[in-house]
């Protein structure tokens, strides 16, 4: 999942100095921010872990709502429940990617516990580029300030692009 990839890119760039530059799109640097929105789901996620250890198939969670009209944080259990997220993630279908609208509940639990911001200050002097969608309501000030903590020099915003987190 994308947020996990973002954190992995931050960790890799912080630890492996052979990496020449890191580029992350739609950066989510703290699972804590999302965990507050999902505090009611955490017991279910922990129960899902029990199912997995019993040998059952892992339950899945939708990334975005089934349609734009259902994109409401109060009525959907999607990981990214807003209309903005629906619009942005729906672009994946037009990019030629093989995108599926679900993650396992275990992946969701990992995403909520990842703390990329704990390593971001170690990325420098490796160049780090945050690519943030225009008018992104999920990329919070908290995340933007983490960019500053990383002592980086460049952050970009580009509306309407295909999401392909990449490590260079």
N, C-alpha and C. Protein backbone atom coordinates (compact mmCIF):
# COMPACT_ATOMS: atom_id res chain seq x y z
N UNK A 1 0.84 -1.18 0.00
CA UNK A 1 0.00 0.00 0.00
C UNK A 1 0.87 1.22 0.00
N UNK A 2 0.31 2.26 -0.52
CA UNK A 2 1.06 3.48 -0.72
C UNK A 2 1.65 4.07 0.55
N UNK A 3 0.90 4.22 1.60
CA UNK A 3 1.45 4.81 2.82
C UNK A 3 2.59 3.98 3.36
N UNK A 4 2.47 2.66 3.26
CA UNK A 4 3.57 1.80 3.69
C UNK A 4 4.79 2.03 2.82
N UNK A 5 4.59 2.21 1.51
CA UNK A 5 5.71 2.47 0.62
C UNK A 5 6.38 3.78 0.95
N UNK A 6 5.59 4.81 1.28
CA UNK A 6 6.16 6.10 1.63
C UNK A 6 7.07 5.96 2.83
N UNK A 7 6.60 5.27 3.86
CA UNK A 7 7.41 5.08 5.06
C UNK A 7 8.65 4.25 4.73
N UNK A 8 8.50 3.22 3.90
CA UNK A 8 9.65 2.42 3.51
C UNK A 8 10.68 3.24 2.76
N UNK A 9 10.24 4.15 1.90
CA UNK A 9 11.15 5.03 1.17
C UNK A 9 11.90 5.91 2.16
N UNK A 10 11.19 6.48 3.12
CA UNK A 10 11.83 7.33 4.13
C UNK A 10 12.86 6.52 4.91
N UNK A 11 12.49 5.34 5.37
CA UNK A 11 13.43 4.50 6.13
C UNK A 11 14.64 4.14 5.28
N UNK A 12 14.41 3.71 4.04
CA UNK A 12 15.52 3.30 3.18
C UNK A 12 16.47 4.47 2.93
N UNK A 13 15.93 5.64 2.61
CA UNK A 13 16.77 6.80 2.34
C UNK A 13 17.52 7.26 3.58
N UNK A 14 16.93 7.06 4.75
CA UNK A 14 17.59 7.46 5.99
C UNK A 14 18.73 6.52 6.34
N UNK A 15 18.59 5.25 6.01
CA UNK A 15 19.58 4.25 6.44
C UNK A 15 20.63 3.96 5.37
N UNK A 16 20.20 3.87 4.13
CA UNK A 16 21.11 3.46 3.05
C UNK A 16 21.59 4.68 2.28
N UNK A 17 22.80 5.11 2.54
CA UNK A 17 23.32 6.32 1.91
C UNK A 17 23.75 6.10 0.46
N UNK A 18 23.61 4.87 -0.06
CA UNK A 18 23.84 4.65 -1.49
C UNK A 18 22.70 5.23 -2.31
N UNK A 19 21.56 5.45 -1.68
CA UNK A 19 20.40 6.02 -2.36
C UNK A 19 20.71 7.47 -2.70
N UNK A 20 20.55 7.81 -3.95
CA UNK A 20 20.92 9.15 -4.43
C UNK A 20 19.83 10.18 -4.23
N UNK A 21 18.57 9.76 -4.26
CA UNK A 21 17.44 10.68 -4.05
C UNK A 21 16.20 9.84 -3.75
N UNK A 22 15.27 10.42 -3.03
CA UNK A 22 14.02 9.74 -2.70
C UNK A 22 12.85 10.62 -3.10
N UNK A 23 11.87 10.02 -3.73
CA UNK A 23 10.67 10.75 -4.15
C UNK A 23 9.47 10.02 -3.57
N UNK A 24 8.64 10.74 -2.86
CA UNK A 24 7.43 10.14 -2.31
C UNK A 24 6.23 10.97 -2.73
N UNK A 25 5.15 10.27 -3.06
CA UNK A 25 3.93 10.93 -3.50
C UNK A 25 2.86 10.74 -2.44
N UNK A 26 2.05 11.78 -2.25
CA UNK A 26 0.99 11.74 -1.25
C UNK A 26 1.54 11.28 0.09
N UNK A 27 2.55 11.96 0.60
CA UNK A 27 3.24 11.43 1.77
C UNK A 27 2.38 11.35 3.02
N UNK A 28 2.39 10.19 3.62
CA UNK A 28 1.80 9.99 4.93
C UNK A 28 2.96 9.61 5.83
N UNK A 29 3.39 10.51 6.67
CA UNK A 29 4.59 10.26 7.46
C UNK A 29 4.29 9.78 8.87
N UNK A 30 3.00 9.73 9.22
CA UNK A 30 2.65 9.29 10.56
C UNK A 30 1.34 8.53 10.55
N UNK A 31 1.39 7.28 10.96
CA UNK A 31 0.16 6.50 11.10
C UNK A 31 -0.69 7.00 12.23
N UNK A 32 -0.07 7.68 13.18
CA UNK A 32 -0.81 8.19 14.34
C UNK A 32 -1.95 9.11 13.92
N UNK A 33 -1.69 9.94 12.92
CA UNK A 33 -2.72 10.88 12.45
C UNK A 33 -3.95 10.12 11.97
N UNK A 34 -3.74 9.04 11.19
CA UNK A 34 -4.86 8.24 10.69
C UNK A 34 -5.46 7.37 11.79
N UNK A 35 -4.65 6.95 12.76
CA UNK A 35 -5.16 6.05 13.79
C UNK A 35 -6.25 6.71 14.62
N UNK A 36 -6.19 8.02 14.76
CA UNK A 36 -7.24 8.72 15.50
C UNK A 36 -8.58 8.56 14.79
N UNK A 37 -8.56 8.62 13.47
CA UNK A 37 -9.79 8.46 12.70
C UNK A 37 -10.30 7.02 12.74
N UNK A 38 -9.41 6.07 13.03
CA UNK A 38 -9.77 4.65 13.01
C UNK A 38 -9.76 4.02 14.38
N UNK A 39 -9.83 4.83 15.42
CA UNK A 39 -9.74 4.28 16.78
C UNK A 39 -10.85 3.26 17.06
N UNK A 40 -12.02 3.43 16.45
CA UNK A 40 -13.11 2.48 16.66
C UNK A 40 -12.88 1.15 15.91
N UNK A 41 -12.01 1.16 14.90
CA UNK A 41 -11.74 -0.06 14.11
C UNK A 41 -10.60 -0.89 14.68
N UNK A 42 -9.80 -0.33 15.56
CA UNK A 42 -8.62 -1.04 16.06
C UNK A 42 -8.98 -2.37 16.72
N UNK A 43 -10.03 -2.47 17.55
CA UNK A 43 -10.38 -3.79 18.10
C UNK A 43 -10.71 -4.82 17.00
N UNK A 44 -11.37 -4.38 15.93
CA UNK A 44 -11.67 -5.28 14.81
C UNK A 44 -10.38 -5.72 14.12
N UNK A 45 -9.44 -4.79 13.96
CA UNK A 45 -8.16 -5.13 13.33
C UNK A 45 -7.41 -6.17 14.16
N UNK A 46 -7.45 -6.01 15.47
CA UNK A 46 -6.79 -6.98 16.34
C UNK A 46 -7.49 -8.34 16.29
N UNK A 47 -8.81 -8.33 16.19
CA UNK A 47 -9.57 -9.58 16.04
C UNK A 47 -9.22 -10.26 14.71
N UNK A 48 -9.05 -9.46 13.66
CA UNK A 48 -8.67 -9.99 12.36
C UNK A 48 -7.32 -10.71 12.44
N UNK A 49 -6.43 -10.23 13.26
CA UNK A 49 -5.12 -10.89 13.44
C UNK A 49 -5.32 -12.30 13.97
N UNK A 50 -6.28 -12.45 14.87
CA UNK A 50 -6.57 -13.78 15.42
C UNK A 50 -7.04 -14.73 14.32
N UNK A 51 -7.87 -14.21 13.41
CA UNK A 51 -8.35 -15.03 12.28
C UNK A 51 -7.17 -15.50 11.43
N UNK A 52 -6.24 -14.60 11.18
CA UNK A 52 -5.09 -14.92 10.33
C UNK A 52 -4.24 -16.00 10.98
N UNK A 53 -4.00 -15.88 12.28
CA UNK A 53 -3.18 -16.88 12.97
C UNK A 53 -3.89 -18.23 13.06
N UNK A 54 -5.21 -18.23 12.88
CA UNK A 54 -5.98 -19.48 12.86
C UNK A 54 -5.93 -20.15 11.49
N UNK A 55 -5.27 -19.50 10.52
CA UNK A 55 -5.17 -20.07 9.19
C UNK A 55 -6.25 -19.62 8.23
N UNK A 56 -7.12 -18.72 8.64
CA UNK A 56 -8.17 -18.22 7.75
C UNK A 56 -7.60 -17.16 6.81
N UNK A 57 -8.30 -16.92 5.71
CA UNK A 57 -7.87 -15.87 4.78
C UNK A 57 -7.93 -14.52 5.48
N UNK A 58 -6.97 -13.66 5.18
CA UNK A 58 -6.97 -12.35 5.83
C UNK A 58 -8.14 -11.49 5.35
N UNK A 59 -8.87 -10.88 6.27
CA UNK A 59 -9.95 -9.96 5.87
C UNK A 59 -9.35 -8.74 5.16
N UNK A 60 -10.16 -8.13 4.30
CA UNK A 60 -9.69 -6.94 3.59
C UNK A 60 -10.52 -5.72 3.96
N UNK A 61 -9.93 -4.57 3.69
CA UNK A 61 -10.54 -3.27 3.97
C UNK A 61 -10.45 -2.47 2.67
N UNK A 62 -11.53 -1.80 2.26
CA UNK A 62 -11.43 -0.99 1.04
C UNK A 62 -10.53 0.23 1.26
N UNK A 63 -9.78 0.59 0.24
CA UNK A 63 -8.97 1.81 0.32
C UNK A 63 -9.84 3.05 0.22
N UNK A 64 -10.75 3.02 -0.75
CA UNK A 64 -11.69 4.12 -0.94
C UNK A 64 -13.10 3.53 -1.01
N UNK A 65 -14.10 4.38 -0.87
CA UNK A 65 -15.49 3.93 -0.94
C UNK A 65 -15.78 3.39 -2.35
N UNK A 66 -16.84 2.62 -2.46
CA UNK A 66 -17.20 2.00 -3.74
C UNK A 66 -17.52 3.02 -4.82
N UNK A 67 -18.06 4.16 -4.44
CA UNK A 67 -18.36 5.22 -5.39
C UNK A 67 -18.23 6.57 -4.68
N UNK A 68 -18.23 7.63 -5.47
CA UNK A 68 -18.00 8.96 -4.91
C UNK A 68 -19.09 9.35 -3.90
N UNK A 69 -20.32 8.97 -4.18
CA UNK A 69 -21.43 9.33 -3.29
C UNK A 69 -21.28 8.68 -1.91
N UNK A 70 -20.66 7.52 -1.85
CA UNK A 70 -20.46 6.82 -0.58
C UNK A 70 -19.23 7.31 0.18
N UNK A 71 -18.47 8.21 -0.41
CA UNK A 71 -17.23 8.70 0.20
C UNK A 71 -17.54 9.68 1.32
N UNK A 72 -17.83 9.13 2.47
CA UNK A 72 -18.17 9.94 3.64
C UNK A 72 -17.56 9.28 4.87
N UNK A 73 -16.68 9.98 5.58
CA UNK A 73 -16.02 9.38 6.74
C UNK A 73 -16.97 8.84 7.80
N UNK A 74 -18.20 9.33 7.83
CA UNK A 74 -19.13 8.87 8.86
C UNK A 74 -19.88 7.59 8.46
N UNK A 75 -19.81 7.21 7.18
CA UNK A 75 -20.59 6.05 6.73
C UNK A 75 -19.78 4.93 6.08
N UNK A 76 -18.52 5.16 5.74
CA UNK A 76 -17.73 4.12 5.09
C UNK A 76 -16.59 3.66 5.99
N UNK A 77 -16.19 2.41 5.83
CA UNK A 77 -15.04 1.91 6.59
C UNK A 77 -13.77 1.93 5.75
N UNK A 78 -13.79 2.68 4.65
CA UNK A 78 -12.63 2.77 3.77
C UNK A 78 -11.45 3.43 4.48
N UNK A 79 -10.26 3.02 4.12
CA UNK A 79 -9.04 3.58 4.72
C UNK A 79 -8.95 5.08 4.45
N UNK A 80 -9.29 5.48 3.24
CA UNK A 80 -9.28 6.90 2.87
C UNK A 80 -10.71 7.27 2.48
N UNK A 81 -11.52 7.74 3.43
CA UNK A 81 -12.96 7.84 3.25
C UNK A 81 -13.49 9.12 2.60
N UNK A 82 -12.64 10.04 2.18
CA UNK A 82 -13.14 11.32 1.68
C UNK A 82 -13.35 11.31 0.16
N UNK A 83 -14.14 12.27 -0.31
CA UNK A 83 -14.37 12.42 -1.75
C UNK A 83 -13.07 12.76 -2.47
N UNK A 84 -12.24 13.58 -1.83
CA UNK A 84 -10.94 13.93 -2.43
C UNK A 84 -10.10 12.68 -2.66
N UNK A 85 -10.07 11.80 -1.67
CA UNK A 85 -9.30 10.56 -1.80
C UNK A 85 -9.89 9.69 -2.90
N UNK A 86 -11.22 9.63 -2.97
CA UNK A 86 -11.87 8.85 -4.03
C UNK A 86 -11.46 9.37 -5.40
N UNK A 87 -11.53 10.69 -5.58
CA UNK A 87 -11.17 11.28 -6.86
C UNK A 87 -9.73 10.97 -7.23
N UNK A 88 -8.83 11.12 -6.28
CA UNK A 88 -7.41 10.91 -6.55
C UNK A 88 -7.09 9.44 -6.81
N UNK A 89 -7.58 8.56 -5.97
CA UNK A 89 -7.28 7.13 -6.13
C UNK A 89 -7.96 6.55 -7.36
N UNK A 90 -9.10 7.10 -7.75
CA UNK A 90 -9.79 6.62 -8.95
C UNK A 90 -8.96 6.87 -10.20
N UNK A 91 -8.06 7.83 -10.15
CA UNK A 91 -7.18 8.09 -11.29
C UNK A 91 -6.32 6.88 -11.63
N UNK A 92 -6.08 6.02 -10.66
CA UNK A 92 -5.27 4.83 -10.90
C UNK A 92 -5.83 3.99 -12.04
N UNK A 93 -7.15 3.96 -12.15
CA UNK A 93 -7.78 3.16 -13.20
C UNK A 93 -7.46 3.70 -14.59
N UNK A 94 -7.17 5.00 -14.67
CA UNK A 94 -6.90 5.62 -15.97
C UNK A 94 -5.42 5.63 -16.31
N UNK A 95 -4.58 5.18 -15.40
CA UNK A 95 -3.13 5.22 -15.61
C UNK A 95 -2.57 3.93 -16.18
N UNK A 96 -3.42 2.97 -16.41
CA UNK A 96 -2.95 1.70 -16.92
C UNK A 96 -2.39 0.78 -15.86
N UNK A 97 -2.56 1.15 -14.60
CA UNK A 97 -2.03 0.30 -13.54
C UNK A 97 -3.04 -0.80 -13.19
N UNK A 98 -2.55 -1.84 -12.58
CA UNK A 98 -3.42 -2.92 -12.11
C UNK A 98 -3.68 -2.65 -10.64
N UNK A 99 -4.70 -1.90 -10.37
CA UNK A 99 -4.98 -1.42 -9.03
C UNK A 99 -6.22 -2.10 -8.47
N UNK A 100 -6.13 -2.55 -7.24
CA UNK A 100 -7.26 -3.17 -6.57
C UNK A 100 -7.64 -2.31 -5.38
N UNK A 101 -8.91 -2.15 -5.17
CA UNK A 101 -9.41 -1.26 -4.12
C UNK A 101 -9.54 -1.98 -2.78
N UNK A 102 -8.47 -2.57 -2.32
CA UNK A 102 -8.50 -3.15 -0.98
C UNK A 102 -7.09 -3.43 -0.48
N UNK A 103 -6.98 -3.50 0.80
CA UNK A 103 -5.76 -3.95 1.47
C UNK A 103 -6.20 -4.92 2.56
N UNK A 104 -5.28 -5.71 3.05
CA UNK A 104 -5.65 -6.58 4.16
C UNK A 104 -5.76 -5.74 5.43
N UNK A 105 -6.53 -6.22 6.36
CA UNK A 105 -6.66 -5.48 7.62
C UNK A 105 -5.31 -5.43 8.34
N UNK A 106 -4.46 -6.44 8.12
CA UNK A 106 -3.12 -6.43 8.71
C UNK A 106 -2.29 -5.28 8.13
N UNK A 107 -2.41 -5.06 6.82
CA UNK A 107 -1.72 -3.93 6.19
C UNK A 107 -2.21 -2.62 6.78
N UNK A 108 -3.52 -2.53 6.99
CA UNK A 108 -4.06 -1.31 7.59
C UNK A 108 -3.47 -1.10 8.99
N UNK A 109 -3.36 -2.14 9.75
CA UNK A 109 -2.77 -2.03 11.09
C UNK A 109 -1.32 -1.57 11.00
N UNK A 110 -0.57 -2.11 10.04
CA UNK A 110 0.81 -1.66 9.84
C UNK A 110 0.86 -0.19 9.45
N UNK A 111 -0.04 0.23 8.57
CA UNK A 111 -0.06 1.62 8.14
C UNK A 111 -0.33 2.55 9.31
N UNK A 112 -1.21 2.13 10.20
CA UNK A 112 -1.54 2.97 11.35
C UNK A 112 -0.40 3.02 12.36
N UNK A 113 0.47 2.04 12.34
CA UNK A 113 1.56 2.02 13.32
C UNK A 113 2.88 2.55 12.77
N UNK A 114 2.99 2.74 11.47
CA UNK A 114 4.24 3.24 10.88
C UNK A 114 4.49 4.68 11.28
N UNK A 115 5.72 4.99 11.55
CA UNK A 115 6.12 6.35 11.92
C UNK A 115 7.33 6.77 11.10
N UNK A 116 7.10 7.09 9.85
CA UNK A 116 8.18 7.54 8.99
C UNK A 116 8.83 8.82 9.49
N UNK A 117 8.04 9.64 10.17
CA UNK A 117 8.59 10.91 10.66
C UNK A 117 9.70 10.69 11.68
N UNK A 118 9.74 9.52 12.30
CA UNK A 118 10.79 9.26 13.28
C UNK A 118 12.17 9.12 12.62
N UNK A 119 12.19 8.89 11.31
CA UNK A 119 13.46 8.74 10.60
C UNK A 119 13.73 9.86 9.61
N UNK A 120 12.77 10.73 9.40
CA UNK A 120 12.89 11.70 8.31
C UNK A 120 14.08 12.65 8.50
N UNK A 121 14.43 12.94 9.73
CA UNK A 121 15.56 13.84 9.98
C UNK A 121 16.90 13.21 9.58
N UNK A 122 16.91 11.90 9.38
CA UNK A 122 18.14 11.20 9.01
C UNK A 122 18.30 11.07 7.49
N UNK A 123 17.31 11.49 6.73
CA UNK A 123 17.38 11.38 5.27
C UNK A 123 18.42 12.35 4.72
N UNK A 124 18.45 13.56 5.24
CA UNK A 124 19.39 14.58 4.78
C UNK A 124 20.82 14.08 4.97
N UNK A 125 21.71 14.29 4.04
CA UNK A 125 21.67 15.19 2.89
C UNK A 125 21.10 14.57 1.60
N UNK A 126 20.59 13.34 1.65
CA UNK A 126 19.97 12.75 0.46
C UNK A 126 18.76 13.59 0.07
N UNK A 127 18.68 14.03 -1.19
CA UNK A 127 17.53 14.82 -1.61
C UNK A 127 16.22 14.04 -1.45
N UNK A 128 15.22 14.71 -0.95
CA UNK A 128 13.90 14.10 -0.73
C UNK A 128 12.85 15.00 -1.36
N UNK A 129 12.04 14.45 -2.23
CA UNK A 129 10.99 15.20 -2.90
C UNK A 129 9.64 14.69 -2.44
N UNK A 130 8.83 15.56 -1.84
CA UNK A 130 7.44 15.25 -1.52
C UNK A 130 6.62 15.74 -2.70
N UNK A 131 5.81 14.89 -3.29
CA UNK A 131 4.89 15.31 -4.34
C UNK A 131 3.50 15.22 -3.75
N UNK A 132 2.88 16.37 -3.58
CA UNK A 132 1.58 16.45 -2.90
C UNK A 132 0.53 16.87 -3.92
N UNK A 133 -0.58 16.15 -4.00
CA UNK A 133 -1.64 16.54 -4.93
C UNK A 133 -2.20 17.92 -4.58
N UNK A 134 -2.60 18.68 -5.58
CA UNK A 134 -3.23 19.97 -5.32
C UNK A 134 -4.49 19.80 -4.49
N UNK A 135 -4.70 20.66 -3.55
CA UNK A 135 -5.89 20.66 -2.68
C UNK A 135 -6.07 19.35 -1.92
N UNK A 136 -4.99 18.71 -1.54
CA UNK A 136 -5.07 17.45 -0.79
C UNK A 136 -5.46 17.74 0.65
N UNK A 137 -6.63 17.25 1.05
CA UNK A 137 -7.10 17.50 2.42
C UNK A 137 -6.56 16.45 3.40
N UNK A 138 -5.95 15.39 2.89
CA UNK A 138 -5.40 14.36 3.77
C UNK A 138 -3.94 14.62 4.14
N UNK A 139 -3.24 15.43 3.35
CA UNK A 139 -1.85 15.77 3.65
C UNK A 139 -1.90 16.95 4.62
N UNK A 140 -1.77 16.64 5.88
CA UNK A 140 -1.97 17.63 6.93
C UNK A 140 -0.72 18.47 7.18
N UNK A 141 -0.93 19.59 7.85
CA UNK A 141 0.17 20.47 8.23
C UNK A 141 1.23 19.68 8.98
N UNK A 142 0.80 18.76 9.81
CA UNK A 142 1.70 17.90 10.57
C UNK A 142 2.70 17.21 9.64
N UNK A 143 2.23 16.70 8.52
CA UNK A 143 3.11 16.02 7.56
C UNK A 143 4.03 17.02 6.87
N UNK A 144 3.49 18.17 6.53
CA UNK A 144 4.31 19.20 5.88
C UNK A 144 5.45 19.65 6.78
N UNK A 145 5.17 19.77 8.06
CA UNK A 145 6.21 20.17 9.00
C UNK A 145 7.29 19.10 9.12
N UNK A 146 6.93 17.84 8.94
CA UNK A 146 7.92 16.77 8.96
C UNK A 146 8.92 16.95 7.83
N UNK A 147 8.46 17.47 6.71
CA UNK A 147 9.36 17.75 5.59
C UNK A 147 10.43 18.73 6.04
N UNK A 148 10.03 19.73 6.80
CA UNK A 148 10.96 20.73 7.30
C UNK A 148 11.94 20.10 8.30
N UNK A 149 11.44 19.19 9.13
CA UNK A 149 12.30 18.50 10.09
C UNK A 149 13.40 17.75 9.36
N UNK A 150 13.08 17.24 8.17
CA UNK A 150 14.05 16.51 7.38
C UNK A 150 15.10 17.40 6.75
N UNK A 151 15.01 18.69 6.96
CA UNK A 151 15.97 19.66 6.43
C UNK A 151 16.09 19.55 4.91
N UNK A 152 14.96 19.34 4.26
CA UNK A 152 14.98 19.20 2.81
C UNK A 152 14.71 20.55 2.16
N UNK A 153 14.95 20.59 0.86
CA UNK A 153 14.83 21.86 0.17
C UNK A 153 13.73 21.94 -0.87
N UNK A 154 13.01 20.86 -1.12
CA UNK A 154 12.06 20.91 -2.22
C UNK A 154 10.81 20.10 -1.93
N UNK A 155 9.66 20.72 -2.08
CA UNK A 155 8.38 20.04 -1.93
C UNK A 155 7.50 20.51 -3.08
N UNK A 156 6.89 19.60 -3.81
CA UNK A 156 6.11 19.97 -4.99
C UNK A 156 4.65 19.59 -4.82
N UNK A 157 3.80 20.33 -5.49
CA UNK A 157 2.38 20.00 -5.52
C UNK A 157 1.96 19.97 -6.97
N UNK A 158 1.35 18.87 -7.38
CA UNK A 158 0.92 18.74 -8.77
C UNK A 158 -0.44 18.06 -8.79
N UNK A 159 -1.49 18.76 -9.25
CA UNK A 159 -2.81 18.14 -9.30
C UNK A 159 -2.94 17.13 -10.42
N UNK A 160 -3.73 16.10 -10.18
CA UNK A 160 -4.11 15.15 -11.21
C UNK A 160 -2.98 14.37 -11.84
N UNK A 161 -2.32 13.53 -11.10
CA UNK A 161 -1.24 12.74 -11.65
C UNK A 161 -1.43 11.29 -11.24
N UNK A 162 -0.71 10.40 -11.88
CA UNK A 162 -0.78 8.98 -11.53
C UNK A 162 0.11 8.71 -10.33
N UNK A 163 -0.40 7.95 -9.38
CA UNK A 163 0.34 7.67 -8.16
C UNK A 163 1.25 6.46 -8.36
N UNK A 164 2.52 6.68 -8.39
CA UNK A 164 3.49 5.60 -8.51
C UNK A 164 4.67 5.92 -7.60
N UNK A 165 4.55 5.62 -6.28
CA UNK A 165 5.66 5.92 -5.37
C UNK A 165 6.93 5.21 -5.85
N UNK A 166 8.00 5.96 -5.94
CA UNK A 166 9.22 5.43 -6.51
C UNK A 166 10.41 5.85 -5.67
N UNK A 167 11.35 4.97 -5.51
CA UNK A 167 12.60 5.27 -4.83
C UNK A 167 13.70 5.27 -5.88
N UNK A 168 14.43 6.35 -5.99
CA UNK A 168 15.54 6.44 -6.95
C UNK A 168 16.85 6.37 -6.21
